[in-house]
N, C-alpha and C. Protein backbone atom coordinates (compact mmCIF):
# COMPACT_ATOMS: atom_id res chain seq x y z
N UNK A 1 38.27 26.65 -13.64
CA UNK A 1 39.08 25.85 -12.70
C UNK A 1 39.83 26.79 -11.75
N UNK A 2 39.86 26.46 -10.47
CA UNK A 2 40.51 27.30 -9.46
C UNK A 2 42.02 27.22 -9.61
N UNK A 3 42.68 28.39 -9.69
CA UNK A 3 44.14 28.43 -9.78
C UNK A 3 44.74 28.17 -8.40
N UNK A 4 45.68 27.26 -8.33
CA UNK A 4 46.26 26.85 -7.05
C UNK A 4 47.72 27.27 -6.98
N UNK A 5 48.15 27.59 -5.77
CA UNK A 5 49.55 27.91 -5.52
C UNK A 5 50.01 27.12 -4.30
N UNK A 6 51.28 26.71 -4.31
CA UNK A 6 51.83 25.93 -3.19
C UNK A 6 52.24 26.85 -2.05
N UNK A 7 51.93 26.41 -0.83
CA UNK A 7 52.35 27.16 0.36
C UNK A 7 53.87 27.06 0.50
N UNK A 8 54.58 28.16 0.69
CA UNK A 8 56.04 28.11 0.81
C UNK A 8 56.51 27.43 2.09
N UNK A 9 55.59 27.23 3.06
CA UNK A 9 55.99 26.63 4.33
C UNK A 9 55.79 25.13 4.34
N UNK A 10 54.57 24.66 3.91
CA UNK A 10 54.27 23.22 3.98
C UNK A 10 54.04 22.58 2.62
N UNK A 11 53.91 23.39 1.56
CA UNK A 11 53.73 22.85 0.22
C UNK A 11 52.30 22.53 -0.14
N UNK A 12 51.33 22.74 0.76
CA UNK A 12 49.93 22.44 0.46
C UNK A 12 49.41 23.37 -0.62
N UNK A 13 48.48 22.87 -1.44
CA UNK A 13 47.90 23.69 -2.51
C UNK A 13 46.75 24.52 -1.96
N UNK A 14 46.74 25.79 -2.30
CA UNK A 14 45.70 26.71 -1.85
C UNK A 14 45.27 27.58 -3.03
N UNK A 15 44.04 28.13 -2.99
CA UNK A 15 43.62 29.05 -4.03
C UNK A 15 44.58 30.23 -4.10
N UNK A 16 44.79 30.76 -5.31
CA UNK A 16 45.77 31.82 -5.51
C UNK A 16 45.47 33.07 -4.68
N UNK A 17 44.18 33.30 -4.37
CA UNK A 17 43.81 34.50 -3.61
C UNK A 17 43.63 34.22 -2.12
N UNK A 18 44.05 33.04 -1.64
CA UNK A 18 43.87 32.69 -0.22
C UNK A 18 44.79 33.53 0.64
N UNK A 19 44.28 33.94 1.81
CA UNK A 19 45.09 34.72 2.75
C UNK A 19 45.84 33.83 3.73
N UNK A 20 45.26 32.63 3.99
CA UNK A 20 45.86 31.70 4.96
C UNK A 20 46.01 30.34 4.30
N UNK A 21 47.01 29.59 4.64
CA UNK A 21 47.19 28.23 4.15
C UNK A 21 46.18 27.32 4.86
N UNK A 22 45.46 26.50 4.10
CA UNK A 22 44.48 25.59 4.71
C UNK A 22 45.11 24.44 5.45
N UNK A 23 46.43 24.23 5.29
CA UNK A 23 47.11 23.13 5.97
C UNK A 23 47.84 23.58 7.24
N UNK A 24 48.69 24.62 7.11
CA UNK A 24 49.49 25.04 8.27
C UNK A 24 49.09 26.40 8.81
N UNK A 25 48.11 27.05 8.15
CA UNK A 25 47.58 28.34 8.59
C UNK A 25 48.59 29.50 8.50
N UNK A 26 49.57 29.34 7.67
CA UNK A 26 50.54 30.42 7.49
C UNK A 26 49.94 31.51 6.61
N UNK A 27 50.25 32.76 6.91
CA UNK A 27 49.78 33.88 6.08
C UNK A 27 50.39 33.77 4.69
N UNK A 28 49.55 33.91 3.67
CA UNK A 28 50.02 33.81 2.28
C UNK A 28 50.02 35.14 1.56
N UNK A 29 49.38 36.16 2.17
CA UNK A 29 49.25 37.45 1.49
C UNK A 29 50.34 38.44 1.90
N UNK A 30 51.41 37.92 2.57
CA UNK A 30 52.51 38.79 2.99
C UNK A 30 53.72 38.55 2.11
N UNK A 31 54.64 39.51 2.11
CA UNK A 31 55.89 39.34 1.38
C UNK A 31 56.72 38.24 2.03
N UNK A 32 57.56 37.59 1.28
CA UNK A 32 58.34 36.44 1.76
C UNK A 32 59.11 36.70 3.04
N UNK A 33 59.83 37.85 3.18
CA UNK A 33 60.62 38.06 4.41
C UNK A 33 59.75 38.19 5.65
N UNK A 34 58.49 38.68 5.48
CA UNK A 34 57.67 38.96 6.65
C UNK A 34 56.88 37.75 7.10
N UNK A 35 56.85 36.71 6.26
CA UNK A 35 55.99 35.57 6.59
C UNK A 35 56.41 34.87 7.86
N UNK A 36 57.71 34.65 8.01
CA UNK A 36 58.18 33.88 9.15
C UNK A 36 57.84 34.51 10.47
N UNK A 37 58.02 35.83 10.59
CA UNK A 37 57.76 36.48 11.88
C UNK A 37 56.31 36.78 12.10
N UNK A 38 55.53 36.95 11.01
CA UNK A 38 54.12 37.31 11.19
C UNK A 38 53.21 36.11 11.31
N UNK A 39 53.65 34.95 10.86
CA UNK A 39 52.76 33.79 10.86
C UNK A 39 52.33 33.42 12.25
N UNK A 40 53.26 33.47 13.23
CA UNK A 40 52.90 33.09 14.59
C UNK A 40 52.31 34.25 15.37
N UNK A 41 52.62 35.47 14.94
CA UNK A 41 52.16 36.62 15.70
C UNK A 41 50.76 37.05 15.32
N UNK A 42 50.43 36.94 14.03
CA UNK A 42 49.14 37.49 13.58
C UNK A 42 48.20 36.43 13.06
N UNK A 43 48.56 35.16 13.10
CA UNK A 43 47.70 34.11 12.58
C UNK A 43 46.49 33.91 13.45
N UNK A 44 45.55 33.02 13.00
CA UNK A 44 44.35 32.72 13.78
C UNK A 44 44.72 32.11 15.12
N UNK A 45 43.81 32.23 16.09
CA UNK A 45 44.06 31.71 17.44
C UNK A 45 44.36 30.23 17.42
N UNK A 46 43.59 29.46 16.60
CA UNK A 46 43.78 28.02 16.63
C UNK A 46 45.15 27.64 16.07
N UNK A 47 45.71 28.49 15.15
CA UNK A 47 47.04 28.22 14.64
C UNK A 47 48.07 28.44 15.74
N UNK A 48 47.91 29.53 16.50
CA UNK A 48 48.84 29.82 17.58
C UNK A 48 48.82 28.71 18.62
N UNK A 49 47.63 28.19 18.93
CA UNK A 49 47.52 27.13 19.92
C UNK A 49 48.19 25.87 19.42
N UNK A 50 48.04 25.59 18.12
CA UNK A 50 48.66 24.40 17.55
C UNK A 50 50.18 24.49 17.63
N UNK A 51 50.71 25.67 17.33
CA UNK A 51 52.15 25.84 17.37
C UNK A 51 52.70 25.69 18.78
N UNK A 52 51.94 26.09 19.81
CA UNK A 52 52.40 25.99 21.19
C UNK A 52 52.27 24.57 21.73
N UNK A 53 51.13 23.92 21.39
CA UNK A 53 50.81 22.65 22.03
C UNK A 53 51.29 21.43 21.27
N UNK A 54 51.53 21.56 19.95
CA UNK A 54 51.87 20.39 19.17
C UNK A 54 53.18 20.62 18.44
N UNK A 55 53.98 19.58 18.30
CA UNK A 55 55.21 19.72 17.52
C UNK A 55 54.90 19.86 16.05
N UNK A 56 55.84 20.43 15.30
CA UNK A 56 55.64 20.63 13.88
C UNK A 56 55.40 19.30 13.18
N UNK A 57 54.38 19.25 12.30
CA UNK A 57 54.06 18.04 11.56
C UNK A 57 53.17 17.09 12.30
N UNK A 58 52.71 17.43 13.54
CA UNK A 58 51.89 16.52 14.33
C UNK A 58 50.41 16.76 14.16
N UNK A 59 50.02 17.68 13.28
CA UNK A 59 48.61 17.98 13.07
C UNK A 59 47.94 16.82 12.36
N UNK A 60 46.84 16.32 12.91
CA UNK A 60 46.10 15.22 12.30
C UNK A 60 45.34 15.74 11.09
N UNK A 61 45.43 15.04 9.98
CA UNK A 61 44.79 15.49 8.74
C UNK A 61 43.92 14.40 8.14
N UNK A 62 43.10 14.78 7.17
CA UNK A 62 42.33 13.82 6.37
C UNK A 62 42.49 14.18 4.91
N UNK A 63 42.39 13.20 4.05
CA UNK A 63 42.59 13.42 2.63
C UNK A 63 41.25 13.55 1.93
N UNK A 64 41.08 14.62 1.18
CA UNK A 64 39.84 14.86 0.45
C UNK A 64 39.69 13.83 -0.66
N UNK A 65 38.58 13.08 -0.72
CA UNK A 65 38.41 12.06 -1.76
C UNK A 65 38.14 12.65 -3.13
N UNK A 66 37.81 13.93 -3.20
CA UNK A 66 37.48 14.55 -4.48
C UNK A 66 38.69 15.14 -5.18
N UNK A 67 39.49 15.93 -4.44
CA UNK A 67 40.64 16.59 -5.07
C UNK A 67 41.97 16.17 -4.48
N UNK A 68 41.97 15.25 -3.52
CA UNK A 68 43.18 14.70 -2.89
C UNK A 68 43.93 15.72 -2.03
N UNK A 69 43.27 16.83 -1.68
CA UNK A 69 43.89 17.83 -0.81
C UNK A 69 44.02 17.27 0.61
N UNK A 70 45.12 17.58 1.30
CA UNK A 70 45.30 17.20 2.69
C UNK A 70 44.77 18.32 3.57
N UNK A 71 43.79 17.98 4.42
CA UNK A 71 43.08 18.99 5.21
C UNK A 71 43.20 18.67 6.69
N UNK A 72 43.46 19.65 7.57
CA UNK A 72 43.50 19.40 9.02
C UNK A 72 42.17 18.87 9.51
N UNK A 73 42.20 17.98 10.49
CA UNK A 73 40.99 17.31 10.94
C UNK A 73 40.00 18.26 11.60
N UNK A 74 40.49 19.43 12.07
CA UNK A 74 39.57 20.38 12.69
C UNK A 74 38.88 21.27 11.66
N UNK A 75 39.18 21.07 10.38
CA UNK A 75 38.49 21.77 9.30
C UNK A 75 37.53 20.78 8.67
N UNK A 76 36.22 21.05 8.77
CA UNK A 76 35.24 20.05 8.35
C UNK A 76 34.93 20.06 6.87
N UNK A 77 35.50 21.01 6.11
CA UNK A 77 35.30 21.03 4.66
C UNK A 77 36.61 21.33 3.94
N UNK A 78 36.79 20.68 2.81
CA UNK A 78 38.00 20.92 2.02
C UNK A 78 38.00 22.36 1.51
N UNK A 79 39.08 23.13 1.73
CA UNK A 79 39.12 24.51 1.28
C UNK A 79 39.22 24.65 -0.24
N UNK A 80 39.52 23.55 -0.92
CA UNK A 80 39.67 23.61 -2.38
C UNK A 80 38.35 23.33 -3.10
N UNK A 81 37.71 22.19 -2.76
CA UNK A 81 36.50 21.81 -3.50
C UNK A 81 35.24 21.80 -2.64
N UNK A 82 35.37 21.96 -1.32
CA UNK A 82 34.19 22.02 -0.47
C UNK A 82 33.66 20.69 0.02
N UNK A 83 34.31 19.57 -0.31
CA UNK A 83 33.87 18.26 0.16
C UNK A 83 33.94 18.20 1.67
N UNK A 84 32.88 17.67 2.31
CA UNK A 84 32.83 17.64 3.77
C UNK A 84 33.60 16.46 4.33
N UNK A 85 33.99 16.56 5.60
CA UNK A 85 34.70 15.49 6.29
C UNK A 85 33.85 14.23 6.35
N UNK A 86 32.53 14.40 6.52
CA UNK A 86 31.62 13.24 6.58
C UNK A 86 31.66 12.49 5.26
N UNK A 87 31.60 13.21 4.13
CA UNK A 87 31.62 12.56 2.83
C UNK A 87 32.90 11.78 2.60
N UNK A 88 33.99 12.22 3.20
CA UNK A 88 35.28 11.55 3.00
C UNK A 88 35.31 10.16 3.60
N UNK A 89 34.49 9.93 4.64
CA UNK A 89 34.51 8.64 5.32
C UNK A 89 33.28 7.78 5.03
N UNK A 90 32.42 8.25 4.12
CA UNK A 90 31.25 7.46 3.75
C UNK A 90 31.65 6.49 2.65
N UNK A 91 31.40 5.21 2.88
CA UNK A 91 31.71 4.18 1.89
C UNK A 91 30.47 3.95 1.04
N UNK A 92 30.59 4.12 -0.25
CA UNK A 92 29.45 3.95 -1.14
C UNK A 92 29.19 2.47 -1.38
N UNK A 93 27.93 2.07 -1.25
CA UNK A 93 27.53 0.70 -1.52
C UNK A 93 26.62 0.70 -2.74
N UNK A 94 27.16 0.39 -3.91
CA UNK A 94 26.35 0.45 -5.12
C UNK A 94 25.21 -0.55 -5.09
N UNK A 95 24.09 -0.15 -5.67
CA UNK A 95 22.93 -1.05 -5.74
C UNK A 95 23.24 -2.19 -6.70
N UNK A 96 22.91 -3.45 -6.32
CA UNK A 96 23.19 -4.58 -7.22
C UNK A 96 22.37 -4.47 -8.49
N UNK A 97 22.88 -5.05 -9.57
CA UNK A 97 22.19 -5.02 -10.85
C UNK A 97 21.09 -6.07 -10.93
N UNK A 98 20.40 -6.07 -12.07
CA UNK A 98 19.29 -7.00 -12.29
C UNK A 98 19.73 -8.46 -12.12
N UNK A 99 20.87 -8.79 -12.72
CA UNK A 99 21.34 -10.18 -12.67
C UNK A 99 21.64 -10.61 -11.23
N UNK A 100 22.32 -9.76 -10.49
CA UNK A 100 22.67 -10.09 -9.11
C UNK A 100 21.43 -10.24 -8.25
N UNK A 101 20.44 -9.35 -8.45
CA UNK A 101 19.19 -9.44 -7.68
C UNK A 101 18.44 -10.73 -8.01
N UNK A 102 18.49 -11.12 -9.28
CA UNK A 102 17.78 -12.33 -9.70
C UNK A 102 18.45 -13.58 -9.14
N UNK A 103 19.78 -13.60 -9.15
CA UNK A 103 20.52 -14.75 -8.60
C UNK A 103 20.28 -14.86 -7.10
N UNK A 104 20.28 -13.72 -6.40
CA UNK A 104 20.04 -13.74 -4.95
C UNK A 104 18.65 -14.23 -4.62
N UNK A 105 17.71 -14.05 -5.55
CA UNK A 105 16.31 -14.44 -5.30
C UNK A 105 16.11 -15.95 -5.36
N UNK A 106 17.16 -16.70 -5.67
CA UNK A 106 17.06 -18.16 -5.60
C UNK A 106 16.68 -18.56 -4.17
N UNK A 107 17.19 -17.81 -3.20
CA UNK A 107 16.74 -17.98 -1.81
C UNK A 107 15.58 -17.01 -1.63
N UNK A 108 14.36 -17.52 -1.43
CA UNK A 108 13.17 -16.65 -1.39
C UNK A 108 13.35 -15.43 -0.49
N UNK A 109 13.12 -14.25 -1.06
CA UNK A 109 13.18 -13.01 -0.31
C UNK A 109 14.55 -12.37 -0.24
N UNK A 110 15.62 -13.14 -0.52
CA UNK A 110 16.95 -12.58 -0.35
C UNK A 110 17.29 -11.52 -1.40
N UNK A 111 16.64 -11.62 -2.56
CA UNK A 111 16.86 -10.60 -3.58
C UNK A 111 16.45 -9.22 -3.08
N UNK A 112 15.33 -9.16 -2.34
CA UNK A 112 14.88 -7.88 -1.77
C UNK A 112 15.86 -7.39 -0.71
N UNK A 113 16.41 -8.31 0.06
CA UNK A 113 17.40 -7.93 1.07
C UNK A 113 18.61 -7.29 0.40
N UNK A 114 19.05 -7.86 -0.73
CA UNK A 114 20.23 -7.35 -1.43
C UNK A 114 20.02 -5.96 -1.99
N UNK A 115 18.79 -5.62 -2.37
CA UNK A 115 18.54 -4.28 -2.94
C UNK A 115 18.13 -3.27 -1.87
N UNK A 116 18.22 -3.65 -0.59
CA UNK A 116 17.98 -2.71 0.49
C UNK A 116 16.64 -2.80 1.17
N UNK A 117 15.80 -3.76 0.78
CA UNK A 117 14.49 -3.93 1.42
C UNK A 117 14.56 -5.16 2.33
N UNK A 118 15.35 -5.03 3.40
CA UNK A 118 15.60 -6.17 4.28
C UNK A 118 14.34 -6.65 4.99
N UNK A 119 13.52 -5.71 5.47
CA UNK A 119 12.30 -6.10 6.19
C UNK A 119 11.33 -6.85 5.30
N UNK A 120 11.06 -6.29 4.12
CA UNK A 120 10.14 -6.95 3.20
C UNK A 120 10.69 -8.29 2.74
N UNK A 121 12.00 -8.34 2.46
CA UNK A 121 12.60 -9.58 2.01
C UNK A 121 12.53 -10.68 3.05
N UNK A 122 12.75 -10.30 4.31
CA UNK A 122 12.71 -11.30 5.40
C UNK A 122 11.31 -11.85 5.57
N UNK A 123 10.31 -10.97 5.58
CA UNK A 123 8.93 -11.41 5.77
C UNK A 123 8.46 -12.28 4.61
N UNK A 124 8.69 -11.83 3.38
CA UNK A 124 8.25 -12.61 2.22
C UNK A 124 9.01 -13.92 2.12
N UNK A 125 10.28 -13.92 2.48
CA UNK A 125 11.04 -15.16 2.47
C UNK A 125 10.48 -16.18 3.45
N UNK A 126 10.12 -15.72 4.65
CA UNK A 126 9.53 -16.63 5.64
C UNK A 126 8.17 -17.16 5.19
N UNK A 127 7.36 -16.28 4.59
CA UNK A 127 6.05 -16.72 4.10
C UNK A 127 6.19 -17.74 2.98
N UNK A 128 7.16 -17.49 2.09
CA UNK A 128 7.38 -18.41 0.98
C UNK A 128 7.83 -19.79 1.48
N UNK A 129 8.78 -19.79 2.40
CA UNK A 129 9.26 -21.07 2.94
C UNK A 129 8.18 -21.78 3.74
N UNK A 130 7.36 -21.00 4.44
CA UNK A 130 6.24 -21.60 5.19
C UNK A 130 5.31 -22.33 4.23
N UNK A 131 4.97 -21.69 3.10
CA UNK A 131 4.09 -22.33 2.13
C UNK A 131 4.72 -23.55 1.49
N UNK A 132 5.98 -23.41 1.09
CA UNK A 132 6.66 -24.51 0.42
C UNK A 132 6.85 -25.72 1.34
N UNK A 133 7.40 -25.48 2.51
CA UNK A 133 7.69 -26.59 3.42
C UNK A 133 6.41 -27.19 4.00
N UNK A 134 5.46 -26.32 4.36
CA UNK A 134 4.20 -26.84 4.89
C UNK A 134 3.45 -27.66 3.86
N UNK A 135 3.43 -27.16 2.62
CA UNK A 135 2.74 -27.90 1.56
C UNK A 135 3.40 -29.23 1.27
N UNK A 136 4.74 -29.24 1.19
CA UNK A 136 5.45 -30.49 0.93
C UNK A 136 5.25 -31.50 2.07
N UNK A 137 5.13 -30.99 3.29
CA UNK A 137 4.88 -31.89 4.43
C UNK A 137 3.52 -32.57 4.28
N UNK A 138 2.51 -31.83 3.83
CA UNK A 138 1.18 -32.41 3.62
C UNK A 138 1.20 -33.43 2.47
N UNK A 139 1.91 -33.07 1.40
CA UNK A 139 2.00 -33.99 0.27
C UNK A 139 2.70 -35.28 0.69
N UNK A 140 3.70 -35.15 1.55
CA UNK A 140 4.46 -36.31 1.99
C UNK A 140 3.61 -37.31 2.78
N UNK A 141 2.54 -36.82 3.44
CA UNK A 141 1.67 -37.74 4.20
C UNK A 141 0.42 -38.09 3.39
N UNK A 142 0.48 -37.83 2.10
CA UNK A 142 -0.60 -38.27 1.23
C UNK A 142 -1.72 -37.28 1.05
N UNK A 143 -1.55 -36.05 1.41
CA UNK A 143 -2.59 -35.03 1.24
C UNK A 143 -2.24 -34.15 0.05
N UNK A 144 -2.83 -34.47 -1.09
CA UNK A 144 -2.52 -33.75 -2.32
C UNK A 144 -2.91 -32.28 -2.27
N UNK A 145 -3.81 -31.93 -1.34
CA UNK A 145 -4.20 -30.53 -1.20
C UNK A 145 -3.01 -29.66 -0.78
N UNK A 146 -1.97 -30.31 -0.29
CA UNK A 146 -0.77 -29.57 0.11
C UNK A 146 -0.11 -28.84 -1.07
N UNK A 147 -0.41 -29.29 -2.30
CA UNK A 147 0.15 -28.61 -3.46
C UNK A 147 -0.34 -27.16 -3.58
N UNK A 148 -1.49 -26.90 -2.97
CA UNK A 148 -1.99 -25.52 -2.97
C UNK A 148 -1.02 -24.62 -2.19
N UNK A 149 -0.57 -25.11 -1.05
CA UNK A 149 0.40 -24.35 -0.26
C UNK A 149 1.73 -24.23 -0.98
N UNK A 150 2.14 -25.31 -1.65
CA UNK A 150 3.39 -25.27 -2.41
C UNK A 150 3.32 -24.19 -3.48
N UNK A 151 2.20 -24.16 -4.21
CA UNK A 151 2.02 -23.16 -5.26
C UNK A 151 2.00 -21.74 -4.70
N UNK A 152 1.38 -21.60 -3.51
CA UNK A 152 1.35 -20.27 -2.87
C UNK A 152 2.75 -19.81 -2.49
N UNK A 153 3.52 -20.72 -1.91
CA UNK A 153 4.89 -20.38 -1.53
C UNK A 153 5.74 -20.00 -2.73
N UNK A 154 5.58 -20.72 -3.82
CA UNK A 154 6.33 -20.41 -5.04
C UNK A 154 5.90 -19.06 -5.60
N UNK A 155 4.59 -18.79 -5.53
CA UNK A 155 4.09 -17.50 -6.02
C UNK A 155 4.68 -16.33 -5.24
N UNK A 156 4.79 -16.48 -3.93
CA UNK A 156 5.38 -15.43 -3.10
C UNK A 156 6.85 -15.23 -3.46
N UNK A 157 7.57 -16.35 -3.68
CA UNK A 157 8.99 -16.26 -4.04
C UNK A 157 9.18 -15.56 -5.38
N UNK A 158 8.33 -15.90 -6.34
CA UNK A 158 8.42 -15.27 -7.66
C UNK A 158 8.10 -13.78 -7.57
N UNK A 159 7.08 -13.43 -6.78
CA UNK A 159 6.73 -12.02 -6.61
C UNK A 159 7.86 -11.23 -5.96
N UNK A 160 8.51 -11.84 -4.97
CA UNK A 160 9.63 -11.16 -4.31
C UNK A 160 10.79 -10.96 -5.28
N UNK A 161 11.05 -11.96 -6.13
CA UNK A 161 12.11 -11.85 -7.12
C UNK A 161 11.80 -10.75 -8.13
N UNK A 162 10.54 -10.67 -8.55
CA UNK A 162 10.13 -9.62 -9.50
C UNK A 162 10.35 -8.24 -8.91
N UNK A 163 10.00 -8.08 -7.65
CA UNK A 163 10.18 -6.78 -7.00
C UNK A 163 11.66 -6.45 -6.81
N UNK A 164 12.49 -7.47 -6.54
CA UNK A 164 13.93 -7.25 -6.39
C UNK A 164 14.53 -6.74 -7.70
N UNK A 165 14.11 -7.33 -8.81
CA UNK A 165 14.59 -6.90 -10.13
C UNK A 165 14.11 -5.48 -10.43
N UNK A 166 12.86 -5.18 -10.05
CA UNK A 166 12.32 -3.83 -10.26
C UNK A 166 13.15 -2.79 -9.51
N UNK A 167 13.49 -3.08 -8.26
CA UNK A 167 14.31 -2.15 -7.48
C UNK A 167 15.71 -2.01 -8.08
N UNK A 168 16.27 -3.12 -8.57
CA UNK A 168 17.60 -3.06 -9.19
C UNK A 168 17.57 -2.21 -10.45
N UNK A 169 16.43 -2.17 -11.13
CA UNK A 169 16.28 -1.37 -12.35
C UNK A 169 15.93 0.09 -12.05
N UNK A 170 15.74 0.41 -10.76
CA UNK A 170 15.41 1.78 -10.40
C UNK A 170 13.92 2.05 -10.32
N UNK A 171 13.12 1.01 -10.48
CA UNK A 171 11.67 1.17 -10.34
C UNK A 171 11.25 0.88 -8.91
N UNK A 172 10.06 1.33 -8.53
CA UNK A 172 9.56 1.15 -7.17
C UNK A 172 8.91 -0.22 -7.01
N UNK A 173 9.38 -0.99 -6.05
CA UNK A 173 8.83 -2.32 -5.80
C UNK A 173 7.43 -2.22 -5.19
N UNK A 174 6.56 -3.13 -5.61
CA UNK A 174 5.20 -3.16 -5.08
C UNK A 174 5.22 -3.40 -3.57
N UNK A 175 6.15 -4.22 -3.13
CA UNK A 175 6.21 -4.57 -1.71
C UNK A 175 6.79 -3.46 -0.85
N UNK A 176 7.15 -2.30 -1.42
CA UNK A 176 7.54 -1.16 -0.59
C UNK A 176 6.37 -0.66 0.23
N UNK A 177 5.15 -0.91 -0.24
CA UNK A 177 3.97 -0.48 0.49
C UNK A 177 3.71 -1.46 1.65
N UNK A 178 3.63 -0.98 2.89
CA UNK A 178 3.37 -1.87 4.03
C UNK A 178 2.10 -2.68 3.87
N UNK A 179 1.08 -2.08 3.26
CA UNK A 179 -0.20 -2.79 3.08
C UNK A 179 -0.02 -3.98 2.15
N UNK A 180 0.91 -3.90 1.20
CA UNK A 180 1.12 -4.99 0.25
C UNK A 180 1.67 -6.23 0.98
N UNK A 181 2.64 -6.02 1.84
CA UNK A 181 3.21 -7.15 2.59
C UNK A 181 2.17 -7.75 3.52
N UNK A 182 1.39 -6.89 4.15
CA UNK A 182 0.32 -7.38 5.03
C UNK A 182 -0.68 -8.21 4.26
N UNK A 183 -1.05 -7.75 3.06
CA UNK A 183 -2.01 -8.50 2.22
C UNK A 183 -1.47 -9.87 1.86
N UNK A 184 -0.19 -9.92 1.47
CA UNK A 184 0.42 -11.21 1.13
C UNK A 184 0.42 -12.14 2.33
N UNK A 185 0.74 -11.61 3.51
CA UNK A 185 0.76 -12.44 4.71
C UNK A 185 -0.63 -13.00 5.02
N UNK A 186 -1.66 -12.16 4.90
CA UNK A 186 -3.04 -12.60 5.17
C UNK A 186 -3.44 -13.70 4.19
N UNK A 187 -3.12 -13.51 2.91
CA UNK A 187 -3.48 -14.50 1.89
C UNK A 187 -2.78 -15.83 2.14
N UNK A 188 -1.48 -15.77 2.41
CA UNK A 188 -0.72 -17.01 2.61
C UNK A 188 -1.21 -17.75 3.85
N UNK A 189 -1.39 -17.04 4.94
CA UNK A 189 -1.84 -17.69 6.18
C UNK A 189 -3.27 -18.22 6.00
N UNK A 190 -4.11 -17.45 5.32
CA UNK A 190 -5.48 -17.90 5.08
C UNK A 190 -5.53 -19.16 4.25
N UNK A 191 -4.78 -19.20 3.16
CA UNK A 191 -4.74 -20.39 2.31
C UNK A 191 -4.14 -21.59 3.06
N UNK A 192 -3.14 -21.33 3.89
CA UNK A 192 -2.54 -22.41 4.66
C UNK A 192 -3.54 -22.99 5.64
N UNK A 193 -4.28 -22.11 6.32
CA UNK A 193 -5.29 -22.58 7.27
C UNK A 193 -6.37 -23.39 6.56
N UNK A 194 -6.82 -22.91 5.40
CA UNK A 194 -7.85 -23.64 4.66
C UNK A 194 -7.32 -24.99 4.17
N UNK A 195 -6.07 -25.00 3.71
CA UNK A 195 -5.48 -26.25 3.21
C UNK A 195 -5.34 -27.27 4.32
N UNK A 196 -4.88 -26.82 5.47
CA UNK A 196 -4.72 -27.74 6.61
C UNK A 196 -6.08 -28.25 7.07
N UNK A 197 -7.07 -27.38 7.07
CA UNK A 197 -8.42 -27.80 7.47
C UNK A 197 -8.97 -28.84 6.52
N UNK A 198 -8.78 -28.63 5.22
CA UNK A 198 -9.26 -29.60 4.21
C UNK A 198 -8.54 -30.91 4.38
N UNK A 199 -7.23 -30.85 4.62
CA UNK A 199 -6.46 -32.09 4.81
C UNK A 199 -6.91 -32.84 6.05
N UNK A 200 -7.23 -32.10 7.11
CA UNK A 200 -7.69 -32.73 8.34
C UNK A 200 -9.05 -33.38 8.15
N UNK A 201 -9.94 -32.72 7.43
CA UNK A 201 -11.28 -33.29 7.17
C UNK A 201 -11.14 -34.55 6.32
N UNK A 202 -10.23 -34.49 5.33
CA UNK A 202 -10.03 -35.67 4.47
C UNK A 202 -9.47 -36.84 5.24
N UNK A 203 -8.66 -36.55 6.26
CA UNK A 203 -8.07 -37.62 7.05
C UNK A 203 -9.13 -38.32 7.91
N UNK A 204 -10.18 -37.59 8.32
CA UNK A 204 -11.21 -38.17 9.16
C UNK A 204 -12.28 -38.91 8.35
N UNK A 205 -12.33 -38.60 7.06
CA UNK A 205 -13.35 -39.25 6.23
C UNK A 205 -12.99 -40.73 6.04
N UNK A 206 -14.00 -41.61 6.06
CA UNK A 206 -13.74 -43.05 5.91
C UNK A 206 -13.28 -43.39 4.48
């Protein structure tokens, strides 16, 4: 563990062997009486500029999320633990669990959207709804062949839910492959076209 010492000027914690304070840039390797006069005379250029252009305490800082160190905004890494400024402002979005992915899949394709596969989830959701609604519309006008489309739509929804659970478990979803989504689209559209054609022929038959 790194031994830390408080800066006598601003109180920030710095490694015991540090030559400069990571917060106020004061020299730390000098004797106490010499610090006051040497800090402005021999410090880094950016420290001298800060002292001339900004009032004391006006330096913009960010707080390190790892060690809670206060770091000047012009320093892109924490001098204590090395955490970068970018990491400090990144909000982590945890992957949903199996249960959450399964519940979201009640709406066809939405489970995939929740686990980060928005494109695949949107396409499969539309294909599923197309099969379900189109099939039910045919059944409603007396064409029992519409149940084929209903079954296809349900199959797509179940497949999307299975893949959402797989992703939530850390496994690779089958629908991550672009060819897989294309294949599902071709099958659904092909079955829908065949079903509609059969229903149309049946309607013309005496």
